[in-house]
PDB file of N, CA and C in Angstrom:
ATOM      1  N   MET A   1     -44.101 -11.335  76.740  1.00  0.00           N
ATOM      2  CA  MET A   1     -43.329 -10.144  76.758  1.00  0.00           C
ATOM      3  C   MET A   1     -41.855 -10.548  76.441  1.00  0.00           C
ATOM      4  N   LYS A   2     -41.435 -11.480  76.692  1.00  0.00           N
ATOM      5  CA  LYS A   2     -39.963 -12.041  76.299  1.00  0.00           C
ATOM      6  C   LYS A   2     -39.896 -12.300  74.823  1.00  0.00           C
ATOM      7  N   THR A   3     -40.861 -12.709  74.023  1.00  0.00           N
ATOM      8  CA  THR A   3     -40.919 -12.981  72.588  1.00  0.00           C
ATOM      9  C   THR A   3     -40.689 -11.224  72.021  1.00  0.00           C
ATOM     10  N   LYS A   4     -41.607 -10.421  72.466  1.00  0.00           N
ATOM     11  CA  LYS A   4     -41.735  -9.163  72.256  1.00  0.00           C
ATOM     12  C   LYS A   4     -40.330  -8.648  71.994  1.00  0.00           C
ATOM     13  N   LEU A   5     -39.695  -8.830  73.414  1.00  0.00           N
ATOM     14  CA  LEU A   5     -38.290  -8.202  73.515  1.00  0.00           C
ATOM     15  C   LEU A   5     -37.376  -8.658  72.662  1.00  0.00           C
ATOM     16  N   LEU A   6     -37.435 -10.091  72.320  1.00  0.00           N
ATOM     17  CA  LEU A   6     -36.464 -10.634  71.357  1.00  0.00           C
ATOM     18  C   LEU A   6     -36.819 -10.143  69.837  1.00  0.00           C
ATOM     19  N   ARG A   7     -38.107  -9.797  69.822  1.00  0.00           N
ATOM     20  CA  ARG A   7     -38.382  -9.133  68.224  1.00  0.00           C
ATOM     21  C   ARG A   7     -37.678  -7.820  68.202  1.00  0.00           C
ATOM     22  N   VAL A   8     -37.890  -7.108  69.046  1.00  0.00           N
ATOM     23  CA  VAL A   8     -37.391  -5.689  69.007  1.00  0.00           C
ATOM     24  C   VAL A   8     -35.854  -5.581  69.015  1.00  0.00           C
ATOM     25  N   THR A   9     -35.318  -6.611  69.782  1.00  0.00           N
ATOM     26  CA  THR A   9     -33.776  -6.596  69.530  1.00  0.00           C
ATOM     27  C   THR A   9     -33.204  -7.153  68.525  1.00  0.00           C
ATOM     28  N   GLY A  10     -33.861  -8.095  67.784  1.00  0.00           N
ATOM     29  CA  GLY A  10     -33.641  -8.616  66.459  1.00  0.00           C
ATOM     30  C   GLY A  10     -33.766  -7.486  65.341  1.00  0.00           C
ATOM     31  N   VAL A  11     -34.823  -6.702  65.549  1.00  0.00           N
ATOM     32  CA  VAL A  11     -35.107  -5.550  64.636  1.00  0.00           C
ATOM     33  C   VAL A  11     -33.871  -4.579  64.698  1.00  0.00           C
ATOM     34  N   LEU A  12     -33.538  -4.212  65.941  1.00  0.00           N
ATOM     35  CA  LEU A  12     -32.616  -3.276  66.215  1.00  0.00           C
ATOM     36  C   LEU A  12     -30.907  -3.659  65.588  1.00  0.00           C
ATOM     37  N   VAL A  13     -30.812  -4.959  65.950  1.00  0.00           N
ATOM     38  CA  VAL A  13     -29.623  -5.271  65.437  1.00  0.00           C
ATOM     39  C   VAL A  13     -29.509  -5.418  63.825  1.00  0.00           C
ATOM     40  N   ILE A  14     -30.723  -5.767  63.166  1.00  0.00           N
ATOM     41  CA  ILE A  14     -30.738  -5.575  61.878  1.00  0.00           C
ATOM     42  C   ILE A  14     -30.456  -4.343  61.194  1.00  0.00           C
ATOM     43  N   ILE A  15     -30.969  -3.244  61.871  1.00  0.00           N
ATOM     44  CA  ILE A  15     -30.966  -1.888  61.659  1.00  0.00           C
ATOM     45  C   ILE A  15     -29.646  -1.419  61.883  1.00  0.00           C
ATOM     46  N   MET A  16     -29.033  -1.620  62.952  1.00  0.00           N
ATOM     47  CA  MET A  16     -27.592  -1.217  63.027  1.00  0.00           C
ATOM     48  C   MET A  16     -26.544  -1.911  61.998  1.00  0.00           C
ATOM     49  N   LEU A  17     -26.908  -3.145  61.841  1.00  0.00           N
ATOM     50  CA  LEU A  17     -26.080  -3.920  60.622  1.00  0.00           C
ATOM     51  C   LEU A  17     -26.204  -3.167  59.214  1.00  0.00           C
ATOM     52  N   ILE A  18     -27.249  -2.673  58.944  1.00  0.00           N
ATOM     53  CA  ILE A  18     -27.552  -2.020  57.658  1.00  0.00           C
ATOM     54  C   ILE A  18     -26.987  -0.729  57.701  1.00  0.00           C
ATOM     55  N   ALA A  19     -26.958   0.051  58.995  1.00  0.00           N
ATOM     56  CA  ALA A  19     -26.474   1.233  58.987  1.00  0.00           C
ATOM     57  C   ALA A  19     -24.994   1.491  59.055  1.00  0.00           C
ATOM     58  N   ILE A  20     -24.250   0.340  59.265  1.00  0.00           N
ATOM     59  CA  ILE A  20     -22.929   0.503  59.153  1.00  0.00           C
ATOM     60  C   ILE A  20     -22.360   0.752  57.997  1.00  0.00           C
ATOM     61  N   PRO A  21     -22.583  -0.111  56.863  1.00  0.00           N
ATOM     62  CA  PRO A  21     -22.184   0.195  55.553  1.00  0.00           C
ATOM     63  C   PRO A  21     -22.573   1.853  54.980  1.00  0.00           C
ATOM     64  N   VAL A  22     -23.526   2.013  55.499  1.00  0.00           N
ATOM     65  CA  VAL A  22     -24.254   3.417  54.813  1.00  0.00           C
ATOM     66  C   VAL A  22     -23.141   4.572  55.431  1.00  0.00           C
ATOM     67  N   MET A  23     -23.038   4.373  56.693  1.00  0.00           N
ATOM     68  CA  MET A  23     -21.905   5.516  57.456  1.00  0.00           C
ATOM     69  C   MET A  23     -20.612   5.192  56.770  1.00  0.00           C
ATOM     70  N   ALA A  24     -20.161   4.204  56.092  1.00  0.00           N
ATOM     71  CA  ALA A  24     -18.914   4.296  55.629  1.00  0.00           C
ATOM     72  C   ALA A  24     -18.676   5.007  54.301  1.00  0.00           C
ATOM     73  N   GLN A  25     -19.740   5.275  53.670  1.00  0.00           N
ATOM     74  CA  GLN A  25     -19.588   6.005  52.302  1.00  0.00           C
ATOM     75  C   GLN A  25     -19.531   7.349  52.475  1.00  0.00           C
ATOM     76  N   ASP A  26     -18.230   7.743  51.979  1.00  0.00           N
ATOM     77  CA  ASP A  26     -18.054   9.239  52.140  1.00  0.00           C
ATOM     78  C   ASP A  26     -17.261   9.595  50.919  1.00  0.00           C
ATOM     79  N   ASN A  27     -17.622   9.097  49.593  1.00  0.00           N
ATOM     80  CA  ASN A  27     -16.886   9.567  48.583  1.00  0.00           C
ATOM     81  C   ASN A  27     -17.890  10.559  47.667  1.00  0.00           C
ATOM     82  N   PHE A  28     -18.971  11.269  48.237  1.00  0.00           N
ATOM     83  CA  PHE A  28     -19.984  11.988  47.327  1.00  0.00           C
ATOM     84  C   PHE A  28     -19.314  13.587  47.525  1.00  0.00           C
ATOM     85  N   PRO A  29     -19.493  14.159  46.447  1.00  0.00           N
ATOM     86  CA  PRO A  29     -19.012  15.459  46.375  1.00  0.00           C
ATOM     87  C   PRO A  29     -19.818  16.310  47.478  1.00  0.00           C
ATOM     88  N   GLU A  30     -19.506  17.435  47.449  1.00  0.00           N
ATOM     89  CA  GLU A  30     -20.112  18.478  48.400  1.00  0.00           C
ATOM     90  C   GLU A  30     -21.202  19.079  47.812  1.00  0.00           C
ATOM     91  N   PRO A  31     -22.411  19.234  48.106  1.00  0.00           N
ATOM     92  CA  PRO A  31     -23.382  19.882  47.130  1.00  0.00           C
ATOM     93  C   PRO A  31     -23.088  21.546  47.161  1.00  0.00           C
ATOM     94  N   GLU A  32     -23.264  22.044  45.842  1.00  0.00           N
ATOM     95  CA  GLU A  32     -22.923  23.039  45.799  1.00  0.00           C
ATOM     96  C   GLU A  32     -23.907  24.407  46.765  1.00  0.00           C
ATOM     97  N   ASP A  33     -25.085  24.072  46.470  1.00  0.00           N
ATOM     98  CA  ASP A  33     -25.998  25.025  47.262  1.00  0.00           C
ATOM     99  C   ASP A  33     -26.534  24.008  48.531  1.00  0.00           C
ATOM    100  N   ASP A  34     -26.577  24.828  49.829  1.00  0.00           N
ATOM    101  CA  ASP A  34     -27.223  24.199  50.831  1.00  0.00           C
ATOM    102  C   ASP A  34     -28.858  24.232  50.711  1.00  0.00           C
ATOM    103  N   ILE A  35     -29.730  23.274  50.879  1.00  0.00           N
ATOM    104  CA  ILE A  35     -31.141  23.502  50.942  1.00  0.00           C
ATOM    105  C   ILE A  35     -31.573  23.506  52.260  1.00  0.00           C
ATOM    106  N   PRO A  36     -32.070  24.655  52.663  1.00  0.00           N
ATOM    107  CA  PRO A  36     -32.727  24.820  53.990  1.00  0.00           C
ATOM    108  C   PRO A  36     -33.990  23.745  54.143  1.00  0.00           C
ATOM    109  N   ILE A  37     -34.131  22.935  55.123  1.00  0.00           N
ATOM    110  CA  ILE A  37     -35.284  22.066  55.355  1.00  0.00           C
ATOM    111  C   ILE A  37     -36.160  22.478  56.528  1.00  0.00           C
ATOM    112  N   ASP A  38     -35.689  23.922  57.015  1.00  0.00           N
ATOM    113  CA  ASP A  38     -36.488  24.412  58.309  1.00  0.00           C
ATOM    114  C   ASP A  38     -38.229  24.483  58.027  1.00  0.00           C
ATOM    115  N   GLY A  39     -38.464  24.869  56.811  1.00  0.00           N
ATOM    116  CA  GLY A  39     -39.719  25.244  56.504  1.00  0.00           C
ATOM    117  C   GLY A  39     -40.753  23.729  56.558  1.00  0.00           C
ATOM    118  N   GLY A  40     -40.254  22.924  55.905  1.00  0.00           N
ATOM    119  CA  GLY A  40     -40.905  21.520  56.116  1.00  0.00           C
ATOM    120  C   GLY A  40     -40.907  21.003  57.441  1.00  0.00           C
ATOM    121  N   ILE A  41     -39.894  21.113  58.082  1.00  0.00           N
ATOM    122  CA  ILE A  41     -39.908  20.523  59.302  1.00  0.00           C
ATOM    123  C   ILE A  41     -40.986  21.249  60.280  1.00  0.00           C
ATOM    124  N   THR A  42     -40.892  22.369  60.219  1.00  0.00           N
ATOM    125  CA  THR A  42     -41.890  23.397  60.916  1.00  0.00           C
ATOM    126  C   THR A  42     -43.265  22.985  60.608  1.00  0.00           C
ATOM    127  N   LEU A  43     -43.532  22.772  59.283  1.00  0.00           N
ATOM    128  CA  LEU A  43     -44.870  22.589  58.750  1.00  0.00           C
ATOM    129  C   LEU A  43     -45.432  21.099  59.461  1.00  0.00           C
ATOM    130  N   LEU A  44     -44.346  20.086  59.437  1.00  0.00           N
ATOM    131  CA  LEU A  44     -44.810  18.824  60.061  1.00  0.00           C
ATOM    132  C   LEU A  44     -45.056  18.937  61.711  1.00  0.00           C
ATOM    133  N   LEU A  45     -44.396  19.838  62.204  1.00  0.00           N
ATOM    134  CA  LEU A  45     -44.437  19.897  63.766  1.00  0.00           C
ATOM    135  C   LEU A  45     -45.707  20.655  63.961  1.00  0.00           C
ATOM    136  N   VAL A  46     -45.995  21.508  63.083  1.00  0.00           N
ATOM    137  CA  VAL A  46     -47.198  22.556  63.422  1.00  0.00           C
ATOM    138  C   VAL A  46     -48.294  21.287  63.071  1.00  0.00           C
ATOM    139  N   ALA A  47     -48.506  20.651  61.977  1.00  0.00           N
ATOM    140  CA  ALA A  47     -49.686  19.855  61.861  1.00  0.00           C
ATOM    141  C   ALA A  47     -49.457  18.755  62.855  1.00  0.00           C
ATOM    142  N   GLY A  48     -48.370  17.986  63.364  1.00  0.00           N
ATOM    143  CA  GLY A  48     -48.685  17.110  64.420  1.00  0.00           C
ATOM    144  C   GLY A  48     -49.110  17.608  65.603  1.00  0.00           C
ATOM    145  N   ALA A  49     -48.912  18.846  65.893  1.00  0.00           N
ATOM    146  CA  ALA A  49     -49.568  19.573  67.342  1.00  0.00           C
ATOM    147  C   ALA A  49     -51.030  19.983  67.238  1.00  0.00           C
ATOM    148  N   GLY A  50     -51.224  20.037  65.823  1.00  0.00           N
ATOM    149  CA  GLY A  50     -52.735  20.438  65.691  1.00  0.00           C
ATOM    150  C   GLY A  50     -53.555  19.051  65.755  1.00  0.00           C
ATOM    151  N   TYR A  51     -52.977  17.853  65.210  1.00  0.00           N
ATOM    152  CA  TYR A  51     -53.630  16.711  65.127  1.00  0.00           C
ATOM    153  C   TYR A  51     -53.684  16.106  66.603  1.00  0.00           C
ATOM    154  N   GLY A  52     -52.798  16.368  67.248  1.00  0.00           N
ATOM    155  CA  GLY A  52     -52.621  16.000  68.852  1.00  0.00           C
ATOM    156  C   GLY A  52     -53.629  16.631  69.633  1.00  0.00           C
ATOM    157  N   ALA A  53     -53.728  18.026  69.328  1.00  0.00           N
ATOM    158  CA  ALA A  53     -54.808  18.918  69.935  1.00  0.00           C
ATOM    159  C   ALA A  53     -56.229  18.640  69.648  1.00  0.00           C
ATOM    160  N   LYS A  54     -56.214  18.192  68.338  1.00  0.00           N
ATOM    161  CA  LYS A  54     -57.799  17.663  67.778  1.00  0.00           C
ATOM    162  C   LYS A  54     -57.832  16.304  68.461  1.00  0.00           C
ATOM    163  N   LYS A  55     -57.034  15.387  68.707  1.00  0.00           N
ATOM    164  CA  LYS A  55     -57.321  14.246  69.526  1.00  0.00           C
ATOM    165  C   LYS A  55     -57.699  14.147  70.755  1.00  0.00           C
ATOM    166  N   LEU A  56     -56.838  15.010  71.494  1.00  0.00           N
ATOM    167  CA  LEU A  56     -57.206  15.364  72.914  1.00  0.00           C
ATOM    168  C   LEU A  56     -58.400  15.928  73.202  1.00  0.00           C
ATOM    169  N   LYS A  57     -58.852  16.878  72.503  1.00  0.00           N
ATOM    170  CA  LYS A  57     -60.232  17.566  72.319  1.00  0.00           C
ATOM    171  C   LYS A  57     -61.123  16.263  72.180  1.00  0.00           C
ATOM    172  N   GLU A  58     -61.147  15.693  71.148  1.00  0.00           N
ATOM    173  CA  GLU A  58     -62.112  14.487  70.881  1.00  0.00           C
ATOM    174  C   GLU A  58     -62.229  13.530  72.187  1.00  0.00           C
ATOM    175  N   LYS A  59     -61.041  13.069  72.821  1.00  0.00           N
ATOM    176  CA  LYS A  59     -61.036  12.284  73.860  1.00  0.00           C
ATOM    177  C   LYS A  59     -61.716  12.993  75.257  1.00  0.00           C
ATOM    178  N   ARG A  60     -61.280  14.354  75.217  1.00  0.00           N
ATOM    179  CA  ARG A  60     -62.169  15.164  76.460  1.00  0.00           C
ATOM    180  C   ARG A  60     -63.573  15.043  76.393  1.00  0.00           C
ATOM    181  N   ARG A  61     -64.315  15.006  75.016  1.00  0.00           N
ATOM    182  CA  ARG A  61     -65.740  15.197  74.955  1.00  0.00           C
ATOM    183  C   ARG A  61     -66.337  13.913  75.283  1.00  0.00           C
ATOM    184  N   LYS A  62     -65.583  12.714  74.942  1.00  0.00           N
ATOM    185  CA  LYS A  62     -66.427  11.221  75.676  1.00  0.00           C
ATOM    186  C   LYS A  62     -66.327  11.150  77.017  1.00  0.00           C
TER     187      LYS A  62
END
């Protein structure tokens, strides 16, 4: 259990160290047209809900 906690903590520290330089980059021009991402996210949520419902239904049959 302790080694798992150390691994997870190490991974989180590495991710945080990688994210710091990424947040510092602010020299990109603003996009001219905003692209809506609502349709894709909705599609992924519906697919995930359907998959979860299928797995629950299969689990109840056993």
